[in-house]
PDB file of all heavy atoms in Angstrom:
ATOM      1  N   LYS A   1      -5.620  -2.957  18.911  1.00  0.00           N
ATOM      2  CA  LYS A   1      -6.446  -3.509  17.871  1.00  0.00           C
ATOM      3  C   LYS A   1      -5.636  -3.342  16.539  1.00  0.00           C
ATOM      4  O   LYS A   1      -4.703  -2.614  16.486  1.00  0.00           O
ATOM      5  CB  LYS A   1      -7.714  -2.671  17.696  1.00  0.00           C
ATOM      6  CG  LYS A   1      -8.722  -2.890  18.803  1.00  0.00           C
ATOM      7  CD  LYS A   1      -9.985  -2.106  18.508  1.00  0.00           C
ATOM      8  CE  LYS A   1     -11.038  -2.392  19.571  1.00  0.00           C
ATOM      9  NZ  LYS A   1     -12.277  -1.664  19.274  1.00  0.00           N
ATOM     10  N   PRO A   2      -6.018  -4.095  15.518  1.00  0.00           N
ATOM     11  CA  PRO A   2      -5.340  -3.969  14.238  1.00  0.00           C
ATOM     12  C   PRO A   2      -5.382  -2.543  13.719  1.00  0.00           C
ATOM     13  O   PRO A   2      -4.479  -2.090  13.032  1.00  0.00           O
ATOM     14  CB  PRO A   2      -6.111  -4.946  13.296  1.00  0.00           C
ATOM     15  CG  PRO A   2      -6.691  -5.917  14.258  1.00  0.00           C
ATOM     16  CD  PRO A   2      -6.980  -5.197  15.517  1.00  0.00           C
ATOM     17  N   SER A   3      -6.418  -1.743  14.046  1.00  0.00           N
ATOM     18  CA  SER A   3      -6.484  -0.402  13.583  1.00  0.00           C
ATOM     19  C   SER A   3      -5.312   0.444  14.169  1.00  0.00           C
ATOM     20  O   SER A   3      -4.897   1.347  13.511  1.00  0.00           O
ATOM     21  CB  SER A   3      -7.829   0.192  13.965  1.00  0.00           C
ATOM     22  OG  SER A   3      -8.084   0.093  15.380  1.00  0.00           O
ATOM     23  N   LEU A   4      -4.828   0.107  15.345  1.00  0.00           N
ATOM     24  CA  LEU A   4      -3.701   0.801  15.889  1.00  0.00           C
ATOM     25  C   LEU A   4      -2.429   0.528  15.096  1.00  0.00           C
ATOM     26  O   LEU A   4      -1.684   1.439  14.812  1.00  0.00           O
ATOM     27  CB  LEU A   4      -3.429   0.461  17.373  1.00  0.00           C
ATOM     28  CG  LEU A   4      -2.293   1.132  18.013  1.00  0.00           C
ATOM     29  CD1 LEU A   4      -2.412   2.628  18.048  1.00  0.00           C
ATOM     30  CD2 LEU A   4      -2.034   0.617  19.434  1.00  0.00           C
ATOM     31  N   MET A   5      -2.264  -0.697  14.643  1.00  0.00           N
ATOM     32  CA  MET A   5      -1.100  -0.978  13.819  1.00  0.00           C
ATOM     33  C   MET A   5      -1.197  -0.290  12.442  1.00  0.00           C
ATOM     34  O   MET A   5      -0.186   0.247  11.951  1.00  0.00           O
ATOM     35  CB  MET A   5      -1.016  -2.538  13.626  1.00  0.00           C
ATOM     36  CG  MET A   5      -0.740  -3.270  14.870  1.00  0.00           C
ATOM     37  SD  MET A   5      -0.766  -5.050  14.938  1.00  0.00           S
ATOM     38  CE  MET A   5      -0.989  -5.593  13.294  1.00  0.00           C
ATOM     39  N   ALA A   6      -2.344  -0.196  11.889  1.00  0.00           N
ATOM     40  CA  ALA A   6      -2.571   0.512  10.635  1.00  0.00           C
ATOM     41  C   ALA A   6      -2.353   1.995  10.841  1.00  0.00           C
ATOM     42  O   ALA A   6      -1.668   2.637   9.998  1.00  0.00           O
ATOM     43  CB  ALA A   6      -3.952   0.274  10.096  1.00  0.00           C
ATOM     44  N   PHE A   7      -2.831   2.570  11.902  1.00  0.00           N
ATOM     45  CA  PHE A   7      -2.616   3.995  12.190  1.00  0.00           C
ATOM     46  C   PHE A   7      -1.112   4.258  12.364  1.00  0.00           C
ATOM     47  O   PHE A   7      -0.604   5.278  11.840  1.00  0.00           O
ATOM     48  CB  PHE A   7      -3.370   4.351  13.476  1.00  0.00           C
ATOM     49  CG  PHE A   7      -3.232   5.826  13.856  1.00  0.00           C
ATOM     50  CD1 PHE A   7      -3.973   6.793  13.295  1.00  0.00           C
ATOM     51  CD2 PHE A   7      -2.295   6.134  14.868  1.00  0.00           C
ATOM     52  CE1 PHE A   7      -3.828   8.081  13.645  1.00  0.00           C
ATOM     53  CE2 PHE A   7      -2.111   7.461  15.194  1.00  0.00           C
ATOM     54  CZ  PHE A   7      -2.911   8.457  14.622  1.00  0.00           C
ATOM     55  N   ALA A   8      -0.411   3.380  13.076  1.00  0.00           N
ATOM     56  CA  ALA A   8       1.032   3.578  13.325  1.00  0.00           C
ATOM     57  C   ALA A   8       1.831   3.496  11.982  1.00  0.00           C
ATOM     58  O   ALA A   8       2.728   4.267  11.744  1.00  0.00           O
ATOM     59  CB  ALA A   8       1.538   2.552  14.324  1.00  0.00           C
ATOM     60  N   ALA A   9       1.433   2.549  11.146  1.00  0.00           N
ATOM     61  CA  ALA A   9       2.126   2.363   9.829  1.00  0.00           C
ATOM     62  C   ALA A   9       1.899   3.618   8.984  1.00  0.00           C
ATOM     63  O   ALA A   9       2.859   4.108   8.334  1.00  0.00           O
ATOM     64  CB  ALA A   9       1.572   1.117   9.124  1.00  0.00           C
ATOM     65  N   ALA A  10       0.700   4.163   8.968  1.00  0.00           N
ATOM     66  CA  ALA A  10       0.404   5.350   8.193  1.00  0.00           C
ATOM     67  C   ALA A  10       1.160   6.536   8.739  1.00  0.00           C
ATOM     68  O   ALA A  10       1.719   7.340   7.985  1.00  0.00           O
ATOM     69  CB  ALA A  10      -1.075   5.585   8.109  1.00  0.00           C
ATOM     70  N   ALA A  11       1.136   6.677  10.091  1.00  0.00           N
ATOM     71  CA  ALA A  11       1.811   7.813  10.712  1.00  0.00           C
ATOM     72  C   ALA A  11       3.320   7.762  10.416  1.00  0.00           C
ATOM     73  O   ALA A  11       3.913   8.826  10.097  1.00  0.00           O
ATOM     74  CB  ALA A  11       1.528   7.794  12.219  1.00  0.00           C
ATOM     75  N   GLU A  12       3.936   6.596  10.511  1.00  0.00           N
ATOM     76  CA  GLU A  12       5.335   6.457  10.240  1.00  0.00           C
ATOM     77  C   GLU A  12       5.644   6.812   8.818  1.00  0.00           C
ATOM     78  O   GLU A  12       6.609   7.507   8.527  1.00  0.00           O
ATOM     79  CB  GLU A  12       5.822   5.094  10.553  1.00  0.00           C
ATOM     80  CG  GLU A  12       7.326   4.877  10.335  1.00  0.00           C
ATOM     81  CD  GLU A  12       7.833   3.501  10.704  1.00  0.00           C
ATOM     82  OE1 GLU A  12       7.107   2.757  11.332  1.00  0.00           O
ATOM     83  OE2 GLU A  12       8.972   3.209  10.311  1.00  0.00           O
ATOM     84  N   ALA A  13       4.840   6.285   7.863  1.00  0.00           N
ATOM     85  CA  ALA A  13       5.106   6.545   6.413  1.00  0.00           C
ATOM     86  C   ALA A  13       4.934   8.053   6.099  1.00  0.00           C
ATOM     87  O   ALA A  13       5.622   8.572   5.260  1.00  0.00           O
ATOM     88  CB  ALA A  13       4.169   5.692   5.593  1.00  0.00           C
ATOM     89  N   LEU A  14       3.981   8.716   6.724  1.00  0.00           N
ATOM     90  CA  LEU A  14       3.651  10.089   6.410  1.00  0.00           C
ATOM     91  C   LEU A  14       4.431  11.110   7.261  1.00  0.00           C
ATOM     92  O   LEU A  14       4.341  12.325   6.996  1.00  0.00           O
ATOM     93  CB  LEU A  14       2.150  10.384   6.546  1.00  0.00           C
ATOM     94  CG  LEU A  14       1.256   9.609   5.555  1.00  0.00           C
ATOM     95  CD1 LEU A  14      -0.165   9.734   5.905  1.00  0.00           C
ATOM     96  CD2 LEU A  14       1.531  10.123   4.128  1.00  0.00           C
ATOM     97  N   ASP A  15       5.267  10.620   8.187  1.00  0.00           N
ATOM     98  CA  ASP A  15       6.041  11.560   9.001  1.00  0.00           C
ATOM     99  C   ASP A  15       7.083  12.312   8.111  1.00  0.00           C
ATOM    100  O   ASP A  15       7.901  11.685   7.477  1.00  0.00           O
ATOM    101  CB  ASP A  15       6.782  10.779  10.098  1.00  0.00           C
ATOM    102  CG  ASP A  15       7.534  11.709  11.048  1.00  0.00           C
ATOM    103  OD1 ASP A  15       7.124  12.876  11.212  1.00  0.00           O
ATOM    104  OD2 ASP A  15       8.530  11.244  11.657  1.00  0.00           O
ATOM    105  N   GLY A  16       6.923  13.592   8.009  1.00  0.00           N
ATOM    106  CA  GLY A  16       7.772  14.403   7.209  1.00  0.00           C
ATOM    107  C   GLY A  16       7.484  14.395   5.706  1.00  0.00           C
ATOM    108  O   GLY A  16       8.196  14.919   4.895  1.00  0.00           O
ATOM    109  N   ALA A  17       6.336  13.761   5.320  1.00  0.00           N
ATOM    110  CA  ALA A  17       5.958  13.644   3.934  1.00  0.00           C
ATOM    111  C   ALA A  17       5.319  14.844   3.431  1.00  0.00           C
ATOM    112  O   ALA A  17       4.643  15.591   4.165  1.00  0.00           O
ATOM    113  CB  ALA A  17       5.031  12.436   3.698  1.00  0.00           C
ATOM    114  N   GLU A  18       5.467  15.101   2.137  1.00  0.00           N
ATOM    115  CA  GLU A  18       4.799  16.231   1.441  1.00  0.00           C
ATOM    116  C   GLU A  18       3.998  15.657   0.261  1.00  0.00           C
ATOM    117  O   GLU A  18       4.586  14.928  -0.611  1.00  0.00           O
ATOM    118  CB  GLU A  18       5.791  17.247   0.949  1.00  0.00           C
ATOM    119  CG  GLU A  18       5.139  18.387   0.184  1.00  0.00           C
ATOM    120  CD  GLU A  18       6.208  19.308  -0.510  1.00  0.00           C
ATOM    121  OE1 GLU A  18       7.386  19.251  -0.108  1.00  0.00           O
ATOM    122  OE2 GLU A  18       5.815  20.113  -1.330  1.00  0.00           O
ATOM    123  N   PHE A  19       2.741  15.883   0.250  1.00  0.00           N
ATOM    124  CA  PHE A  19       1.843  15.405  -0.836  1.00  0.00           C
ATOM    125  C   PHE A  19       2.258  16.049  -2.100  1.00  0.00           C
ATOM    126  O   PHE A  19       2.402  17.288  -2.211  1.00  0.00           O
ATOM    127  CB  PHE A  19       0.375  15.684  -0.554  1.00  0.00           C
ATOM    128  CG  PHE A  19      -0.538  15.311  -1.647  1.00  0.00           C
ATOM    129  CD1 PHE A  19      -0.867  13.992  -1.870  1.00  0.00           C
ATOM    130  CD2 PHE A  19      -1.041  16.249  -2.536  1.00  0.00           C
ATOM    131  CE1 PHE A  19      -1.732  13.644  -2.932  1.00  0.00           C
ATOM    132  CE2 PHE A  19      -1.913  15.927  -3.576  1.00  0.00           C
ATOM    133  CZ  PHE A  19      -2.225  14.598  -3.738  1.00  0.00           C
ATOM    134  N   LEU A  20       2.497  15.259  -3.163  1.00  0.00           N
ATOM    135  CA  LEU A  20       2.841  15.821  -4.489  1.00  0.00           C
ATOM    136  C   LEU A  20       1.642  15.827  -5.458  1.00  0.00           C
ATOM    137  O   LEU A  20       1.371  16.827  -6.046  1.00  0.00           O
ATOM    138  CB  LEU A  20       4.001  14.985  -5.122  1.00  0.00           C
ATOM    139  CG  LEU A  20       5.322  15.031  -4.291  1.00  0.00           C
ATOM    140  CD1 LEU A  20       6.349  14.164  -4.954  1.00  0.00           C
ATOM    141  CD2 LEU A  20       5.825  16.435  -4.157  1.00  0.00           C
ATOM    142  N   HIS A  21       1.001  14.694  -5.624  1.00  0.00           N
ATOM    143  CA  HIS A  21      -0.164  14.619  -6.549  1.00  0.00           C
ATOM    144  C   HIS A  21      -0.833  13.249  -6.466  1.00  0.00           C
ATOM    145  O   HIS A  21      -0.259  12.291  -5.936  1.00  0.00           O
ATOM    146  CB  HIS A  21       0.273  14.904  -7.985  1.00  0.00           C
ATOM    147  CG  HIS A  21       1.413  14.041  -8.491  1.00  0.00           C
ATOM    148  ND1 HIS A  21       1.262  12.760  -8.906  1.00  0.00           N
ATOM    149  CD2 HIS A  21       2.698  14.277  -8.587  1.00  0.00           C
ATOM    150  CE1 HIS A  21       2.378  12.260  -9.282  1.00  0.00           C
ATOM    151  NE2 HIS A  21       3.299  13.097  -9.088  1.00  0.00           N
ATOM    152  N   TYR A  22      -2.022  13.251  -6.999  1.00  0.00           N
ATOM    153  CA  TYR A  22      -2.743  11.981  -7.173  1.00  0.00           C
ATOM    154  C   TYR A  22      -2.241  11.292  -8.418  1.00  0.00           C
ATOM    155  O   TYR A  22      -1.643  11.965  -9.333  1.00  0.00           O
ATOM    156  CB  TYR A  22      -4.274  12.217  -7.343  1.00  0.00           C
ATOM    157  CG  TYR A  22      -4.906  12.732  -6.083  1.00  0.00           C
ATOM    158  CD1 TYR A  22      -5.252  14.038  -5.876  1.00  0.00           C
ATOM    159  CD2 TYR A  22      -5.212  11.804  -5.066  1.00  0.00           C
ATOM    160  CE1 TYR A  22      -5.823  14.467  -4.701  1.00  0.00           C
ATOM    161  CE2 TYR A  22      -5.854  12.222  -3.901  1.00  0.00           C
ATOM    162  CZ  TYR A  22      -6.126  13.589  -3.748  1.00  0.00           C
ATOM    163  OH  TYR A  22      -6.737  14.023  -2.575  1.00  0.00           O
ATOM    164  N   LEU A  23      -2.447  10.012  -8.568  1.00  0.00           N
ATOM    165  CA  LEU A  23      -2.088   9.331  -9.794  1.00  0.00           C
ATOM    166  C   LEU A  23      -3.160   8.355 -10.232  1.00  0.00           C
ATOM    167  O   LEU A  23      -3.966   7.902  -9.418  1.00  0.00           O
ATOM    168  CB  LEU A  23      -0.716   8.656  -9.674  1.00  0.00           C
ATOM    169  CG  LEU A  23      -0.539   7.412  -8.805  1.00  0.00           C
ATOM    170  CD1 LEU A  23      -1.014   6.155  -9.517  1.00  0.00           C
ATOM    171  CD2 LEU A  23       0.947   7.289  -8.525  1.00  0.00           C
ATOM    172  N   SER A  24      -3.163   8.067 -11.492  1.00  0.00           N
ATOM    173  CA  SER A  24      -4.009   7.004 -12.029  1.00  0.00           C
ATOM    174  C   SER A  24      -3.220   6.393 -13.185  1.00  0.00           C
ATOM    175  O   SER A  24      -2.616   7.123 -13.991  1.00  0.00           O
ATOM    176  CB  SER A  24      -5.385   7.471 -12.462  1.00  0.00           C
ATOM    177  OG  SER A  24      -5.225   8.458 -13.473  1.00  0.00           O
ATOM    178  N   VAL A  25      -3.207   5.113 -13.259  1.00  0.00           N
ATOM    179  CA  VAL A  25      -2.495   4.393 -14.310  1.00  0.00           C
ATOM    180  C   VAL A  25      -3.399   4.258 -15.497  1.00  0.00           C
ATOM    181  O   VAL A  25      -4.448   3.690 -15.389  1.00  0.00           O
ATOM    182  CB  VAL A  25      -1.937   3.050 -13.844  1.00  0.00           C
ATOM    183  CG1 VAL A  25      -1.254   2.312 -14.957  1.00  0.00           C
ATOM    184  CG2 VAL A  25      -1.054   3.163 -12.650  1.00  0.00           C
ATOM    185  N   PRO A  26      -3.005   4.798 -16.662  1.00  0.00           N
ATOM    186  CA  PRO A  26      -3.894   4.741 -17.837  1.00  0.00           C
ATOM    187  C   PRO A  26      -4.295   3.322 -18.180  1.00  0.00           C
ATOM    188  O   PRO A  26      -3.540   2.389 -18.054  1.00  0.00           O
ATOM    189  CB  PRO A  26      -2.972   5.347 -18.953  1.00  0.00           C
ATOM    190  CG  PRO A  26      -2.016   6.218 -18.283  1.00  0.00           C
ATOM    191  CD  PRO A  26      -1.758   5.535 -16.926  1.00  0.00           C
ATOM    192  N   LYS A  27      -5.529   3.171 -18.634  1.00  0.00           N
ATOM    193  CA  LYS A  27      -6.160   1.923 -19.057  1.00  0.00           C
ATOM    194  C   LYS A  27      -6.260   0.889 -17.962  1.00  0.00           C
ATOM    195  O   LYS A  27      -6.322  -0.305 -18.213  1.00  0.00           O
ATOM    196  CB  LYS A  27      -5.397   1.383 -20.243  1.00  0.00           C
ATOM    197  CG  LYS A  27      -5.401   2.299 -21.445  1.00  0.00           C
ATOM    198  CD  LYS A  27      -4.640   1.680 -22.592  1.00  0.00           C
ATOM    199  CE  LYS A  27      -4.573   2.719 -23.735  1.00  0.00           C
ATOM    200  NZ  LYS A  27      -3.696   2.327 -24.819  1.00  0.00           N
ATOM    201  N   THR A  28      -6.224   1.337 -16.680  1.00  0.00           N
ATOM    202  CA  THR A  28      -6.430   0.417 -15.570  1.00  0.00           C
ATOM    203  C   THR A  28      -7.336   1.133 -14.555  1.00  0.00           C
ATOM    204  O   THR A  28      -7.706   2.281 -14.733  1.00  0.00           O
ATOM    205  CB  THR A  28      -5.088   0.083 -14.854  1.00  0.00           C
ATOM    206  OG1 THR A  28      -4.667   1.248 -14.126  1.00  0.00           O
ATOM    207  CG2 THR A  28      -4.050  -0.368 -15.832  1.00  0.00           C
ATOM    208  N   ARG A  29      -7.630   0.444 -13.467  1.00  0.00           N
ATOM    209  CA  ARG A  29      -8.379   1.054 -12.351  1.00  0.00           C
ATOM    210  C   ARG A  29      -7.422   1.369 -11.193  1.00  0.00           C
ATOM    211  O   ARG A  29      -7.873   1.514 -10.028  1.00  0.00           O
ATOM    212  CB  ARG A  29      -9.494   0.118 -11.883  1.00  0.00           C
ATOM    213  CG  ARG A  29     -10.499  -0.256 -13.010  1.00  0.00           C
ATOM    214  CD  ARG A  29     -11.534   0.805 -13.129  1.00  0.00           C
ATOM    215  NE  ARG A  29     -12.227   1.015 -11.846  1.00  0.00           N
ATOM    216  CZ  ARG A  29     -13.090   1.948 -11.598  1.00  0.00           C
ATOM    217  NH1 ARG A  29     -13.417   2.785 -12.582  1.00  0.00           N
ATOM    218  NH2 ARG A  29     -13.647   2.060 -10.475  1.00  0.00           N
ATOM    219  N   VAL A  30      -6.118   1.403 -11.455  1.00  0.00           N
ATOM    220  CA  VAL A  30      -5.152   1.691 -10.404  1.00  0.00           C
ATOM    221  C   VAL A  30      -5.150   3.198 -10.106  1.00  0.00           C
ATOM    222  O   VAL A  30      -5.064   4.012 -11.026  1.00  0.00           O
ATOM    223  CB  VAL A  30      -3.715   1.264 -10.809  1.00  0.00           C
ATOM    224  CG1 VAL A  30      -2.676   1.706  -9.802  1.00  0.00           C
ATOM    225  CG2 VAL A  30      -3.646  -0.253 -10.966  1.00  0.00           C
TER     226      VAL A  30
END
């Protein structure tokens, strides 16, 4: 299912990752 592709993409991107912080761009909703 498409959810498997999304799960695989997130797993690959986060493999070995360390969370640093949240961000928000001033004067936007980003």
